[in-house]
Amino acid sequence: QVQLVESGGGLVQPGGSLRLSCATSGINFSVYTMNWYRQPPGNQRELVATITSGGSTRNYADSVKGRFTISRDNAKNTVYLQMDSLNPEDTAVYYCNAAHQGPVNRLYWGQGTQVTVSS
């Protein structure tokens, strides 16, 4: 059974930091591209950050460049999102996503973790 479990969300003041984690099981984590998405209230889900299977390539949405850092630990089957200089516009439910393209394309989602930035 495939599981992606996010943690680390919560309430933080503007300018603060949070570190999200996404622990996976049931997949060969090291071959998956891992993504963080977010869905602000009343808006569509959007891609925030991507890291390739080996960790050599990372991409970010323009809105988070320079503030967020995606990383992974293939030994722990876990992907992280370090979020610094948070502002109220970062308020959203954050989801991790595992994607693998092969003979059969595979895509898995976590259940999400709420991040609220407010004073």
C-alpha atoms as a PDB file:
ATOM      1  CA  GLN A   1       0.000   0.000   0.000  1.00  0.00           C
ATOM      2  CA  VAL A   2       1.363   3.367  -1.036  1.00  0.00           C
ATOM      3  CA  GLN A   3       1.330   6.101   1.577  1.00  0.00           C
ATOM      4  CA  LEU A   4       2.509   9.693   1.496  1.00  0.00           C
ATOM      5  CA  VAL A   5       2.153  11.395   4.867  1.00  0.00           C
ATOM      6  CA  GLU A   6       2.798  15.113   5.224  1.00  0.00           C
ATOM      7  CA  SER A   7       3.608  16.757   8.534  1.00  0.00           C
ATOM      8  CA  GLY A   8       4.978  20.005   9.877  1.00  0.00           C
ATOM      9  CA  GLY A   9       2.185  22.375   8.999  1.00  0.00           C
ATOM     10  CA  GLY A  10       0.681  24.837  11.435  1.00  0.00           C
ATOM     11  CA  LEU A  11       0.160  28.468  12.304  1.00  0.00           C
ATOM     12  CA  VAL A  12       3.103  30.820  11.900  1.00  0.00           C
ATOM     13  CA  GLN A  13       3.531  34.576  11.987  1.00  0.00           C
ATOM     14  CA  PRO A  14       4.565  36.525   8.902  1.00  0.00           C
ATOM     15  CA  GLY A  15       8.312  36.311   8.436  1.00  0.00           C
ATOM     16  CA  GLY A  16       8.469  32.976  10.185  1.00  0.00           C
ATOM     17  CA  SER A  17       9.576  29.564   9.004  1.00  0.00           C
ATOM     18  CA  LEU A  18       8.195  26.050   8.794  1.00  0.00           C
ATOM     19  CA  ARG A  19       9.633  22.779   7.586  1.00  0.00           C
ATOM     20  CA  LEU A  20       7.266  20.333   5.970  1.00  0.00           C
ATOM     21  CA  SER A  21       8.052  16.650   5.692  1.00  0.00           C
ATOM     22  CA  CYS A  22       6.512  13.983   3.507  1.00  0.00           C
ATOM     23  CA  ALA A  23       7.290  10.436   4.542  1.00  0.00           C
ATOM     24  CA  THR A  24       6.580   7.802   1.923  1.00  0.00           C
ATOM     25  CA  SER A  25       6.129   4.058   1.980  1.00  0.00           C
ATOM     26  CA  GLY A  26       5.165   1.437  -0.553  1.00  0.00           C
ATOM     27  CA  ILE A  27       7.090   2.990  -3.449  1.00  0.00           C
ATOM     28  CA  ASN A  28      10.653   2.814  -4.713  1.00  0.00           C
ATOM     29  CA  PHE A  29      11.221   6.362  -3.512  1.00  0.00           C
ATOM     30  CA  SER A  30      14.604   6.837  -5.146  1.00  0.00           C
ATOM     31  CA  VAL A  31      13.204   6.680  -8.691  1.00  0.00           C
ATOM     32  CA  TYR A  32      10.385   9.141  -8.138  1.00  0.00           C
ATOM     33  CA  THR A  33      10.365  12.836  -8.862  1.00  0.00           C
ATOM     34  CA  MET A  34       8.897  14.501  -5.803  1.00  0.00           C
ATOM     35  CA  ASN A  35       6.771  17.618  -5.876  1.00  0.00           C
ATOM     36  CA  TRP A  36       5.166  19.960  -3.397  1.00  0.00           C
ATOM     37  CA  TYR A  37       1.868  21.551  -4.389  1.00  0.00           C
ATOM     38  CA  ARG A  38      -0.358  23.925  -2.498  1.00  0.00           C
ATOM     39  CA  GLN A  39      -3.993  24.943  -2.670  1.00  0.00           C
ATOM     40  CA  PRO A  40      -4.875  28.323  -1.199  1.00  0.00           C
ATOM     41  CA  PRO A  41      -8.446  28.859   0.014  1.00  0.00           C
ATOM     42  CA  GLY A  42     -10.789  29.212  -2.947  1.00  0.00           C
ATOM     43  CA  ASN A  43      -8.033  28.654  -5.484  1.00  0.00           C
ATOM     44  CA  GLN A  44      -6.682  25.868  -7.639  1.00  0.00           C
ATOM     45  CA  ARG A  45      -3.843  23.613  -6.622  1.00  0.00           C
ATOM     46  CA  GLU A  46      -0.496  24.939  -7.831  1.00  0.00           C
ATOM     47  CA  LEU A  47       2.981  23.484  -8.152  1.00  0.00           C
ATOM     48  CA  VAL A  48       5.413  24.953  -5.628  1.00  0.00           C
ATOM     49  CA  ALA A  49       8.623  22.941  -5.952  1.00  0.00           C
ATOM     50  CA  THR A  50      10.065  19.901  -7.689  1.00  0.00           C
ATOM     51  CA  ILE A  51      13.098  17.726  -7.041  1.00  0.00           C
ATOM     52  CA  THR A  52      14.261  14.982  -9.369  1.00  0.00           C
ATOM     53  CA  SER A  53      14.908  11.435  -8.231  1.00  0.00           C
ATOM     54  CA  GLY A  54      18.610  11.920  -7.549  1.00  0.00           C
ATOM     55  CA  GLY A  55      18.161  15.401  -6.192  1.00  0.00           C
ATOM     56  CA  SER A  56      20.308  17.043  -8.843  1.00  0.00           C
ATOM     57  CA  THR A  57      17.595  19.304 -10.234  1.00  0.00           C
ATOM     58  CA  ARG A  58      15.226  21.494  -8.250  1.00  0.00           C
ATOM     59  CA  ASN A  59      12.670  23.913  -9.614  1.00  0.00           C
ATOM     60  CA  TYR A  60      10.466  26.438  -7.860  1.00  0.00           C
ATOM     61  CA  ALA A  61       7.459  28.566  -8.581  1.00  0.00           C
ATOM     62  CA  ASP A  62       8.416  32.212  -9.014  1.00  0.00           C
ATOM     63  CA  SER A  63       6.366  33.126  -5.955  1.00  0.00           C
ATOM     64  CA  VAL A  64       8.574  31.058  -3.635  1.00  0.00           C
ATOM     65  CA  LYS A  65      12.024  31.315  -5.230  1.00  0.00           C
ATOM     66  CA  GLY A  66      14.638  32.359  -2.712  1.00  0.00           C
ATOM     67  CA  ARG A  67      12.343  31.574   0.225  1.00  0.00           C
ATOM     68  CA  PHE A  68      11.541  27.856  -0.083  1.00  0.00           C
ATOM     69  CA  THR A  69      13.965  24.950  -0.405  1.00  0.00           C
ATOM     70  CA  ILE A  70      13.021  21.435  -1.439  1.00  0.00           C
ATOM     71  CA  SER A  71      15.250  18.528  -0.437  1.00  0.00           C
ATOM     72  CA  ARG A  72      15.063  14.776  -0.129  1.00  0.00           C
ATOM     73  CA  ASP A  73      16.628  11.964   1.833  1.00  0.00           C
ATOM     74  CA  ASN A  74      16.461   8.799  -0.225  1.00  0.00           C
ATOM     75  CA  ALA A  75      17.639   6.733   2.731  1.00  0.00           C
ATOM     76  CA  LYS A  76      14.606   7.883   4.721  1.00  0.00           C
ATOM     77  CA  ASN A  77      12.161   7.908   1.788  1.00  0.00           C
ATOM     78  CA  THR A  78      11.279  11.452   2.748  1.00  0.00           C
ATOM     79  CA  VAL A  79      11.019  14.786   0.981  1.00  0.00           C
ATOM     80  CA  TYR A  80      11.141  18.131   2.758  1.00  0.00           C
ATOM     81  CA  LEU A  81      10.080  21.692   2.098  1.00  0.00           C
ATOM     82  CA  GLN A  82      11.857  24.366   4.110  1.00  0.00           C
ATOM     83  CA  MET A  83       9.752  27.527   4.017  1.00  0.00           C
ATOM     84  CA  ASP A  84      11.297  30.802   5.159  1.00  0.00           C
ATOM     85  CA  SER A  85      10.110  34.408   5.125  1.00  0.00           C
ATOM     86  CA  LEU A  86       6.532  33.238   5.053  1.00  0.00           C
ATOM     87  CA  ASN A  87       3.792  35.701   4.219  1.00  0.00           C
ATOM     88  CA  PRO A  88      -0.018  35.470   4.366  1.00  0.00           C
ATOM     89  CA  GLU A  89      -0.150  34.610   0.653  1.00  0.00           C
ATOM     90  CA  ASP A  90       1.584  31.327   1.486  1.00  0.00           C
ATOM     91  CA  THR A  91      -1.473  30.200   3.454  1.00  0.00           C
ATOM     92  CA  ALA A  92      -2.680  26.975   1.854  1.00  0.00           C
ATOM     93  CA  VAL A  93      -2.999  23.254   2.202  1.00  0.00           C
ATOM     94  CA  TYR A  94       0.328  21.784   1.114  1.00  0.00           C
ATOM     95  CA  TYR A  95       0.448  18.414  -0.632  1.00  0.00           C
ATOM     96  CA  CYS A  96       3.335  16.208  -1.594  1.00  0.00           C
ATOM     97  CA  ASN A  97       3.233  14.257  -4.810  1.00  0.00           C
ATOM     98  CA  ALA A  98       5.317  11.384  -6.144  1.00  0.00           C
ATOM     99  CA  ALA A  99       5.591  10.998  -9.901  1.00  0.00           C
ATOM    100  CA  HIS A 100       7.307   8.376 -12.013  1.00  0.00           C
ATOM    101  CA  GLN A 101       7.272   8.044 -15.778  1.00  0.00           C
ATOM    102  CA  GLY A 102       7.927   4.604 -17.148  1.00  0.00           C
ATOM    103  CA  PRO A 103       6.182   1.761 -18.931  1.00  0.00           C
ATOM    104  CA  VAL A 104       3.385   2.590 -16.515  1.00  0.00           C
ATOM    105  CA  ASN A 105       3.141   6.162 -15.287  1.00  0.00           C
ATOM    106  CA  ARG A 106       2.527   6.428 -11.571  1.00  0.00           C
ATOM    107  CA  LEU A 107       1.281   9.370  -9.537  1.00  0.00           C
ATOM    108  CA  TYR A 108       0.543   9.453  -5.819  1.00  0.00           C
ATOM    109  CA  TRP A 109      -0.674  12.184  -3.464  1.00  0.00           C
ATOM    110  CA  GLY A 110      -0.535  12.780   0.236  1.00  0.00           C
ATOM    111  CA  GLN A 111      -3.498  13.951   2.279  1.00  0.00           C
ATOM    112  CA  GLY A 112      -2.167  17.487   2.773  1.00  0.00           C
ATOM    113  CA  THR A 113      -1.090  19.627   5.696  1.00  0.00           C
ATOM    114  CA  GLN A 114      -2.459  23.069   6.517  1.00  0.00           C
ATOM    115  CA  VAL A 115      -0.108  26.046   6.649  1.00  0.00           C
ATOM    116  CA  THR A 116      -1.541  29.298   7.953  1.00  0.00           C
ATOM    117  CA  VAL A 117       0.488  32.495   8.005  1.00  0.00           C
ATOM    118  CA  SER A 118      -1.152  35.114  10.173  1.00  0.00           C
ATOM    119  CA  SER A 119      -0.391  37.546  12.944  1.00  0.00           C
END
